[in-house]
């Protein structure tokens, strides 16, 4: 059986503990629809609804060139002071790296 002491000593016993330890820190969130967010986590709940501050949103858009029928991939970025994220659109939450 594996030794889980490092996780338990860091206060992580269940998945949402990792999110709890990221409160008031910048996190990365991947959403459905090719959207990504980077921002400071202010609040969350068990459904992964989140309130993020100082957010940078990156949207990946795939367009089809009508003449060549080739895919053209572009990214659109925008900044928001405060953003509510509905949890059912969340694919991945990555906490800040801890060294």
C-alpha atoms as a PDB file:
ATOM      1  CA  UNK A   1       0.000   0.000   0.000  1.00  0.00           C
ATOM      2  CA  UNK A   2       1.259   3.498  -0.855  1.00  0.00           C
ATOM      3  CA  UNK A   3       2.310   5.979   1.807  1.00  0.00           C
ATOM      4  CA  UNK A   4      -0.004   9.027   1.787  1.00  0.00           C
ATOM      5  CA  UNK A   5       1.695  10.898   4.640  1.00  0.00           C
ATOM      6  CA  UNK A   6       2.861  13.866   2.510  1.00  0.00           C
ATOM      7  CA  UNK A   7      -0.711  14.622   1.393  1.00  0.00           C
ATOM      8  CA  UNK A   8      -2.201  14.230   4.857  1.00  0.00           C
ATOM      9  CA  UNK A   9       0.483  16.390   6.471  1.00  0.00           C
ATOM     10  CA  UNK A  10      -0.322  19.176   3.991  1.00  0.00           C
ATOM     11  CA  UNK A  11      -3.993  19.183   5.047  1.00  0.00           C
ATOM     12  CA  UNK A  12      -5.295  17.413   1.936  1.00  0.00           C
ATOM     13  CA  UNK A  13      -7.641  14.557   2.719  1.00  0.00           C
ATOM     14  CA  UNK A  14     -10.244  14.944  -0.039  1.00  0.00           C
ATOM     15  CA  UNK A  15     -10.283  16.598  -3.484  1.00  0.00           C
ATOM     16  CA  UNK A  16     -11.909  19.899  -2.487  1.00  0.00           C
ATOM     17  CA  UNK A  17      -9.210  20.407   0.165  1.00  0.00           C
ATOM     18  CA  UNK A  18      -6.834  21.266  -2.675  1.00  0.00           C
ATOM     19  CA  UNK A  19      -9.218  24.020  -3.772  1.00  0.00           C
ATOM     20  CA  UNK A  20      -9.645  25.209  -0.162  1.00  0.00           C
ATOM     21  CA  UNK A  21      -5.885  25.585   0.201  1.00  0.00           C
ATOM     22  CA  UNK A  22      -5.884  27.761  -2.929  1.00  0.00           C
ATOM     23  CA  UNK A  23      -8.198  30.444  -1.495  1.00  0.00           C
ATOM     24  CA  UNK A  24      -6.807  33.953  -2.025  1.00  0.00           C
ATOM     25  CA  UNK A  25      -4.240  32.598  -4.510  1.00  0.00           C
ATOM     26  CA  UNK A  26      -4.101  32.664  -8.318  1.00  0.00           C
ATOM     27  CA  UNK A  27      -5.443  29.501  -9.926  1.00  0.00           C
ATOM     28  CA  UNK A  28      -5.938  28.142 -13.437  1.00  0.00           C
ATOM     29  CA  UNK A  29      -9.408  26.946 -14.469  1.00  0.00           C
ATOM     30  CA  UNK A  30     -10.179  25.098 -17.722  1.00  0.00           C
ATOM     31  CA  UNK A  31     -13.805  25.362 -18.829  1.00  0.00           C
ATOM     32  CA  UNK A  32     -16.019  23.770 -21.449  1.00  0.00           C
ATOM     33  CA  UNK A  33     -16.091  25.569 -24.771  1.00  0.00           C
ATOM     34  CA  UNK A  34     -12.313  26.017 -25.061  1.00  0.00           C
ATOM     35  CA  UNK A  35     -12.163  28.677 -22.336  1.00  0.00           C
ATOM     36  CA  UNK A  36      -9.419  29.118 -19.772  1.00  0.00           C
ATOM     37  CA  UNK A  37      -9.292  31.392 -16.746  1.00  0.00           C
ATOM     38  CA  UNK A  38      -6.457  32.582 -14.549  1.00  0.00           C
ATOM     39  CA  UNK A  39      -7.425  34.542 -11.475  1.00  0.00           C
ATOM     40  CA  UNK A  40      -7.445  34.892  -7.709  1.00  0.00           C
ATOM     41  CA  UNK A  41      -9.864  32.486  -6.006  1.00  0.00           C
ATOM     42  CA  UNK A  42     -12.107  34.411  -3.587  1.00  0.00           C
ATOM     43  CA  UNK A  43     -14.826  31.807  -2.899  1.00  0.00           C
ATOM     44  CA  UNK A  44     -16.131  28.401  -4.026  1.00  0.00           C
ATOM     45  CA  UNK A  45     -18.717  25.800  -3.069  1.00  0.00           C
ATOM     46  CA  UNK A  46     -19.164  22.044  -3.376  1.00  0.00           C
ATOM     47  CA  UNK A  47     -20.435  22.377  -6.954  1.00  0.00           C
ATOM     48  CA  UNK A  48     -17.208  24.215  -7.884  1.00  0.00           C
ATOM     49  CA  UNK A  49     -19.098  27.450  -8.423  1.00  0.00           C
ATOM     50  CA  UNK A  50     -16.330  30.010  -7.944  1.00  0.00           C
ATOM     51  CA  UNK A  51     -15.788  33.729  -7.563  1.00  0.00           C
ATOM     52  CA  UNK A  52     -12.513  34.837  -9.158  1.00  0.00           C
ATOM     53  CA  UNK A  53     -10.903  38.252  -9.060  1.00  0.00           C
ATOM     54  CA  UNK A  54      -8.405  39.918 -11.384  1.00  0.00           C
ATOM     55  CA  UNK A  55      -9.280  37.366 -14.087  1.00  0.00           C
ATOM     56  CA  UNK A  56      -7.699  36.816 -17.484  1.00  0.00           C
ATOM     57  CA  UNK A  57      -9.972  34.793 -19.765  1.00  0.00           C
ATOM     58  CA  UNK A  58      -8.579  33.110 -22.871  1.00  0.00           C
ATOM     59  CA  UNK A  59     -11.004  31.802 -25.480  1.00  0.00           C
ATOM     60  CA  UNK A  60      -9.772  29.581 -28.300  1.00  0.00           C
ATOM     61  CA  UNK A  61     -11.832  30.092 -31.463  1.00  0.00           C
ATOM     62  CA  UNK A  62     -11.687  27.833 -34.515  1.00  0.00           C
ATOM     63  CA  UNK A  63     -12.889  29.516 -37.713  1.00  0.00           C
ATOM     64  CA  UNK A  64     -13.191  27.970 -41.158  1.00  0.00           C
ATOM     65  CA  UNK A  65     -11.739  29.969 -44.032  1.00  0.00           C
ATOM     66  CA  UNK A  66     -14.534  30.045 -46.645  1.00  0.00           C
ATOM     67  CA  UNK A  67     -12.141  30.120 -49.573  1.00  0.00           C
ATOM     68  CA  UNK A  68      -9.643  27.429 -48.552  1.00  0.00           C
ATOM     69  CA  UNK A  69     -11.873  25.478 -46.124  1.00  0.00           C
ATOM     70  CA  UNK A  70      -8.929  25.380 -43.710  1.00  0.00           C
ATOM     71  CA  UNK A  71      -9.282  25.776 -39.968  1.00  0.00           C
ATOM     72  CA  UNK A  72      -7.940  29.026 -38.589  1.00  0.00           C
ATOM     73  CA  UNK A  73      -7.271  28.913 -34.849  1.00  0.00           C
ATOM     74  CA  UNK A  74      -7.113  32.175 -32.914  1.00  0.00           C
ATOM     75  CA  UNK A  75      -7.260  33.192 -29.289  1.00  0.00           C
ATOM     76  CA  UNK A  76      -9.244  36.014 -27.781  1.00  0.00           C
ATOM     77  CA  UNK A  77      -8.268  37.411 -24.383  1.00  0.00           C
ATOM     78  CA  UNK A  78     -10.143  39.668 -22.011  1.00  0.00           C
ATOM     79  CA  UNK A  79      -9.715  40.814 -18.440  1.00  0.00           C
ATOM     80  CA  UNK A  80     -12.396  41.037 -15.753  1.00  0.00           C
ATOM     81  CA  UNK A  81     -12.169  42.566 -12.315  1.00  0.00           C
ATOM     82  CA  UNK A  82     -14.549  39.974 -10.808  1.00  0.00           C
ATOM     83  CA  UNK A  83     -16.155  36.880 -12.332  1.00  0.00           C
ATOM     84  CA  UNK A  84     -18.633  34.245 -11.162  1.00  0.00           C
ATOM     85  CA  UNK A  85     -17.906  30.812 -12.650  1.00  0.00           C
ATOM     86  CA  UNK A  86     -20.679  28.239 -12.712  1.00  0.00           C
ATOM     87  CA  UNK A  87     -19.327  24.884 -11.557  1.00  0.00           C
ATOM     88  CA  UNK A  88     -20.980  22.688 -14.179  1.00  0.00           C
ATOM     89  CA  UNK A  89     -18.701  24.204 -16.831  1.00  0.00           C
ATOM     90  CA  UNK A  90     -15.482  23.461 -14.946  1.00  0.00           C
ATOM     91  CA  UNK A  91     -13.249  20.740 -16.373  1.00  0.00           C
ATOM     92  CA  UNK A  92     -10.065  21.301 -14.376  1.00  0.00           C
ATOM     93  CA  UNK A  93      -8.828  23.445 -11.490  1.00  0.00           C
ATOM     94  CA  UNK A  94      -5.106  23.791 -10.985  1.00  0.00           C
ATOM     95  CA  UNK A  95      -3.775  25.334  -7.788  1.00  0.00           C
ATOM     96  CA  UNK A  96      -0.652  27.483  -7.735  1.00  0.00           C
ATOM     97  CA  UNK A  97       2.596  25.535  -7.762  1.00  0.00           C
ATOM     98  CA  UNK A  98       3.969  24.926  -4.290  1.00  0.00           C
ATOM     99  CA  UNK A  99       7.722  24.572  -4.003  1.00  0.00           C
END
